[in-house]
Protein backbone atom coordinates (compact mmCIF):
# COMPACT_ATOMS: atom_id res chain seq x y z
CA MET A 1 13.43 -0.66 -12.32
CA LEU A 2 12.58 2.98 -11.76
CA ARG A 3 11.36 2.62 -8.16
CA LEU A 4 12.73 5.38 -5.94
CA SER A 5 13.99 4.09 -2.59
CA ASN A 6 15.88 7.15 -1.35
CA LEU A 7 13.11 9.15 0.31
CA ASP A 8 15.39 12.13 0.88
CA ASP A 9 15.78 12.29 -2.89
CA VAL A 10 12.01 12.01 -3.35
CA ARG A 11 11.48 14.80 -0.84
CA ALA A 12 13.98 17.04 -2.65
CA ARG A 13 12.19 16.45 -5.96
CA LEU A 14 8.80 17.26 -4.47
CA GLU A 15 10.07 20.37 -2.70
CA ARG A 16 10.76 21.96 -6.10
CA ASP A 17 7.04 22.76 -6.27
CA ARG A 18 5.88 22.46 -2.69
CA HIS A 19 2.35 23.75 -3.17
CA TRP A 20 1.61 21.44 -6.08
CA SER A 21 3.16 18.42 -4.36
CA ALA A 22 1.78 19.13 -0.87
CA PHE A 23 -0.30 15.94 -0.64
CA SER A 24 2.63 13.86 -1.87
CA LEU A 25 5.04 15.43 0.61
CA ALA A 26 2.75 14.30 3.42
CA ASP A 27 2.66 10.81 1.92
CA LEU A 28 6.36 10.43 2.71
CA ASP A 29 5.51 10.10 6.39
CA PRO A 30 3.39 7.76 8.54
CA PRO A 31 0.64 6.80 8.43
CA TYR A 32 0.37 7.59 4.71
CA ALA A 33 3.79 6.21 3.74
CA ALA A 34 2.56 2.61 3.99
CA HIS A 35 0.40 3.22 0.92
CA ALA A 36 2.88 5.31 -1.11
CA HIS A 37 4.96 3.79 -3.92
CA TRP A 38 7.49 6.12 -5.54
CA PHE A 39 8.87 5.91 -9.06
CA GLY A 40 11.11 8.11 -11.18
CA SER A 41 14.18 8.21 -13.37
CA PRO A 42 17.66 8.38 -11.79
CA GLU A 43 18.19 11.82 -13.25
CA GLY A 44 15.86 14.81 -13.18
CA ASP A 45 13.09 15.71 -10.76
CA ASP A 46 10.34 13.47 -12.14
CA VAL A 47 8.13 11.64 -9.65
CA VAL A 48 5.25 9.26 -10.17
CA LEU A 49 3.44 8.37 -6.96
CA VAL A 50 1.02 5.43 -6.80
CA TYR A 51 -0.99 5.79 -3.59
CA ASP A 52 -2.96 2.61 -3.03
CA ALA A 53 -5.07 3.49 0.03
CA PHE A 54 -8.02 3.99 -2.33
CA ASP A 55 -9.53 2.01 -5.19
CA PRO A 56 -8.55 2.97 -7.82
CA PRO A 57 -5.16 4.16 -6.58
CA ILE A 58 -4.35 7.86 -6.75
CA VAL A 59 -1.56 8.62 -9.22
CA PHE A 60 0.40 11.87 -8.93
CA ILE A 61 2.73 12.92 -11.75
CA GLN A 62 5.48 15.56 -11.70
CA GLY A 63 8.39 16.19 -14.04
CA ALA A 64 9.49 15.99 -17.66
CA GLU A 65 6.95 14.33 -19.93
CA VAL A 66 9.35 11.89 -21.60
CA ARG A 67 10.70 10.60 -18.29
CA CYS A 68 7.24 10.31 -16.74
CA GLU A 69 6.07 8.32 -19.74
CA ALA A 70 8.99 5.91 -19.28
CA VAL A 71 8.02 5.49 -15.63
CA LEU A 72 4.40 4.79 -16.54
CA ALA A 73 5.63 2.07 -18.93
CA GLU A 74 7.42 0.17 -16.13
CA ALA A 75 5.87 -3.26 -15.59
CA GLU A 76 5.25 -2.68 -11.86
CA VAL A 77 3.58 0.65 -12.54
CA VAL A 78 1.53 -0.78 -15.39
CA ALA A 79 0.26 -3.56 -13.15
CA ALA A 80 -0.69 -1.13 -10.39
CA THR A 81 -2.43 1.43 -12.62
CA GLN A 82 -4.74 -0.50 -14.92
CA ARG A 83 -7.30 1.82 -13.34
CA ALA A 84 -6.20 5.00 -11.63
CA TRP A 85 -7.37 8.29 -10.20
CA LEU A 86 -5.05 10.77 -11.89
CA ASN A 87 -3.79 14.10 -10.60
CA VAL A 88 -2.04 15.91 -13.45
CA GLN A 89 -1.21 19.44 -14.50
CA PRO A 90 -2.22 20.65 -17.98
CA ALA A 91 1.26 20.02 -19.42
CA HIS A 92 0.81 16.29 -18.84
CA LEU A 93 -2.53 15.89 -20.62
CA PRO A 94 -0.88 14.76 -23.90
CA LEU A 95 1.00 12.08 -21.94
CA VAL A 96 -2.23 10.94 -20.29
CA ALA A 97 -3.91 10.69 -23.69
CA ARG A 98 -1.16 8.37 -24.94
CA VAL A 99 -1.14 6.08 -21.90
CA PHE A 100 -4.81 5.97 -20.91
CA SER A 101 -7.73 5.20 -23.19
CA SER A 102 -10.13 7.17 -21.00
CA PHE A 103 -9.75 9.97 -18.50
CA GLU A 104 -12.95 11.35 -16.99
CA SER A 105 -11.25 14.53 -15.95
CA ARG A 106 -12.57 17.57 -14.17
CA GLU A 107 -10.70 20.84 -13.88
CA MET A 108 -9.61 21.60 -10.33
CA VAL A 109 -8.12 24.57 -8.50
CA ARG A 110 -5.36 24.16 -5.94
CA MET A 111 -5.75 26.89 -3.32
CA VAL A 112 -3.13 27.93 -0.77
CA LEU A 113 -3.46 29.73 2.56
CA GLU A 114 -0.60 31.90 3.82
CA ARG A 115 -0.47 32.86 7.48
CA GLY A 116 -0.52 36.56 6.66
CA ASP A 117 -3.70 36.18 4.60
CA PHE A 118 -5.62 34.14 7.17
CA VAL A 119 -8.95 35.61 8.30
CA PRO A 120 -10.39 33.64 11.25
CA MET A 121 -14.15 33.17 11.27
CA PRO A 122 -14.96 32.16 14.85
CA HIS A 123 -18.26 30.39 15.50
CA PRO A 124 -19.61 29.39 18.93
CA GLY A 125 -20.73 25.98 17.70
CA VAL A 126 -17.29 24.75 16.56
CA VAL A 127 -16.20 21.54 18.29
CA PRO A 128 -13.23 19.19 17.68
CA LEU A 129 -14.06 15.77 16.24
CA GLY A 130 -12.19 12.52 16.71
CA PRO A 131 -12.56 8.73 16.49
CA PRO A 132 -15.41 8.60 19.06
CA ASP A 133 -17.46 10.77 16.68
CA LEU A 134 -17.09 8.41 13.70
CA ASP A 135 -20.67 7.13 13.62
CA GLU A 136 -22.06 10.66 13.76
CA VAL A 137 -19.66 11.79 11.03
CA LEU A 138 -20.64 8.89 8.76
CA ARG A 139 -24.32 9.67 9.24
CA PHE A 140 -23.67 13.31 8.44
CA TYR A 141 -21.77 12.43 5.27
CA ALA A 142 -24.39 9.88 4.17
CA ASP A 143 -26.33 12.25 1.90
CA GLU A 144 -23.18 13.48 0.10
CA ALA A 145 -20.35 11.06 0.72
CA PRO A 146 -16.87 12.51 0.08
CA ALA A 147 -14.69 10.61 -2.37
CA PHE A 148 -11.60 10.49 -0.16
CA PHE A 149 -12.69 10.02 3.43
CA ARG A 150 -11.24 7.25 5.59
CA PRO A 151 -12.18 6.78 9.26
CA SER A 152 -8.49 6.93 10.18
CA GLN A 153 -8.43 10.61 9.18
CA LEU A 154 -10.30 11.44 12.39
CA HIS A 155 -7.33 10.02 14.29
CA ASP A 156 -4.45 11.09 12.07
CA GLY A 157 -5.55 14.62 11.19
CA VAL A 158 -7.61 17.57 12.40
CA TYR A 159 -11.40 17.51 12.15
CA VAL A 160 -13.94 19.99 13.46
CA GLY A 161 -17.70 20.20 13.31
CA ILE A 162 -20.30 22.86 13.95
CA ARG A 163 -23.26 21.69 15.98
CA ASP A 164 -26.63 23.19 16.77
CA GLU A 165 -29.31 21.71 18.99
CA ALA A 166 -30.08 19.05 16.37
CA GLY A 167 -26.49 17.90 15.86
CA LEU A 168 -23.82 18.44 13.20
CA VAL A 169 -24.60 21.07 10.58
CA SER A 170 -21.11 21.52 9.07
CA ILE A 171 -17.78 19.71 9.06
CA ALA A 172 -14.23 20.20 7.78
CA GLY A 173 -11.03 18.25 8.17
CA THR A 174 -7.68 17.27 6.71
CA HIS A 175 -7.00 14.73 3.99
CA VAL A 176 -3.37 14.57 5.10
CA LEU A 177 -1.39 16.18 7.88
CA SER A 178 2.37 15.89 8.33
CA GLU A 179 4.20 17.84 10.99
CA THR A 180 7.50 16.45 9.67
CA THR A 181 7.02 18.07 6.27
CA SER A 182 4.86 20.89 7.73
CA VAL A 183 1.99 20.23 5.32
CA GLY A 184 -1.75 20.12 5.86
CA ALA A 185 -4.33 19.54 3.14
CA LEU A 186 -7.90 20.49 4.01
CA GLY A 187 -10.91 18.71 2.61
CA ASN A 188 -14.12 16.78 3.12
CA VAL A 189 -15.91 20.05 3.89
CA HIS A 190 -19.66 19.59 4.02
CA THR A 191 -22.64 21.63 5.24
CA SER A 192 -26.22 20.44 5.57
CA ALA A 193 -28.29 21.54 2.60
CA ASP A 194 -30.72 23.45 4.80
CA GLN A 195 -27.89 25.33 6.53
CA ARG A 196 -26.02 26.63 3.50
CA GLY A 197 -25.59 30.34 2.98
CA ARG A 198 -24.71 30.96 6.64
CA ARG A 199 -20.92 30.84 6.10
CA LEU A 200 -20.61 27.69 8.19
CA ALA A 201 -18.18 26.05 5.75
CA GLY A 202 -15.88 29.04 6.09
CA ALA A 203 -16.08 28.92 9.87
CA ALA A 204 -15.31 25.18 9.97
CA THR A 205 -12.49 25.54 7.45
CA GLY A 206 -11.07 28.47 9.38
CA ALA A 207 -11.11 26.45 12.60
CA VAL A 208 -9.11 23.65 10.94
CA ALA A 209 -6.67 26.18 9.49
CA GLN A 210 -6.22 27.80 12.89
CA ALA A 211 -5.46 24.41 14.46
CA LEU A 212 -2.85 23.75 11.75
CA PHE A 213 -1.19 27.12 12.22
CA ASP A 214 -1.16 26.51 15.98
CA ARG A 215 0.81 23.32 15.27
CA GLY A 216 3.32 25.27 13.21
CA ILE A 217 2.20 23.94 9.83
CA GLN A 218 3.66 26.12 7.09
CA THR A 219 1.90 24.87 3.95
CA ILE A 220 -1.90 24.66 3.95
CA VAL A 221 -3.72 23.75 0.74
CA LEU A 222 -7.11 22.59 -0.46
CA ASN A 223 -8.71 21.64 -3.76
CA ILE A 224 -12.00 22.71 -5.31
CA ILE A 225 -13.76 21.94 -8.56
CA ALA A 226 -13.05 24.89 -10.84
CA THR A 227 -16.74 25.60 -11.44
CA ASN A 228 -17.67 25.65 -7.73
CA GLU A 229 -17.85 29.40 -7.23
CA ALA A 230 -19.70 29.13 -3.91
CA ALA A 231 -16.87 27.07 -2.41
CA ARG A 232 -14.26 29.37 -3.88
CA CYS A 233 -15.90 32.41 -2.31
CA ALA A 234 -16.15 30.65 1.07
CA TYR A 235 -12.46 29.77 1.07
CA GLU A 236 -11.35 33.15 -0.23
CA ARG A 237 -13.09 34.77 2.74
CA VAL A 238 -10.83 32.70 4.98
CA GLY A 239 -7.80 33.88 2.98
CA PHE A 240 -7.17 31.07 0.48
CA ARG A 241 -5.89 32.07 -2.95
CA GLU A 242 -5.60 30.15 -6.22
CA TYR A 243 -2.19 28.60 -6.84
CA CYS A 244 -2.70 26.51 -9.98
CA ARG A 245 -5.18 24.59 -12.11
CA TYR A 246 -4.95 20.86 -12.68
CA PHE A 247 -7.07 17.89 -13.72
CA GLU A 248 -8.19 14.85 -11.77
CA GLY A 249 -10.47 11.90 -12.30
CA PRO A 250 -10.68 8.18 -13.03
CA ALA A 251 -8.69 6.77 -15.92
CA VAL A 252 -8.30 3.39 -17.63
CA ARG A 253 -5.16 2.17 -19.38
CA SER A 254 -5.17 1.75 -23.12
CA LEU A 255 -4.67 -1.82 -24.33
CA ALA A 256 -1.25 -1.00 -25.74
CA SER A 257 0.05 0.67 -22.57
CA ALA A 258 -1.50 -2.05 -20.41
CA GLY A 259 0.99 -4.51 -21.89
CA ARG A 260 -1.64 -6.90 -23.16
């Protein structure tokens, strides 16, 4: 069995590329840890995370290709990843092709914000959001539902909105937030279609980033689709910079690797 039970060891492996593994570092801690299942070989720094809070589960891969392939062949991992949402760097695409019969991938950009690069974009309409605002948030997201939003994020993370006289016009929050590992991952940014072009997304994102820095968070990341130039420009104005490219999307096991 290649399940990793020593979380200090897992943390040390992930820290070798902190910006790439930022989401996974947060998953070591509550409330995310309840959904995180860690696998890897006894030697090396390989990690395969199966995060089952979503359907299909998110699968994060880091480390040497041969060892990661052995992990993915483990019976417990096979059973848990018949369908998966993969997060992989380009070096692991050959491995994915051998293990999964389909991978509907899209190229993504991991962006990172350093404190010295941060450019606040204050807006008078920014307000904090929390669990009492859930119904309003769900209505606001209804026309363009984010793939990875859970109501608990309003409680466990940082969310802000921008309101005008009609209600919410923009929103931004955190996918994960861990003060223990000093990691915050921004996401679920959305602006009403009729309000775009007013730099509201940047203002909302900047407000979340400011709240994270105020908490002492050291590593702040977010992801964008590589072709989304409008989003990239908005985040670059706040101070985010590209760290790496990777691929994500739904995948289905091949019959051979599924153990059938």
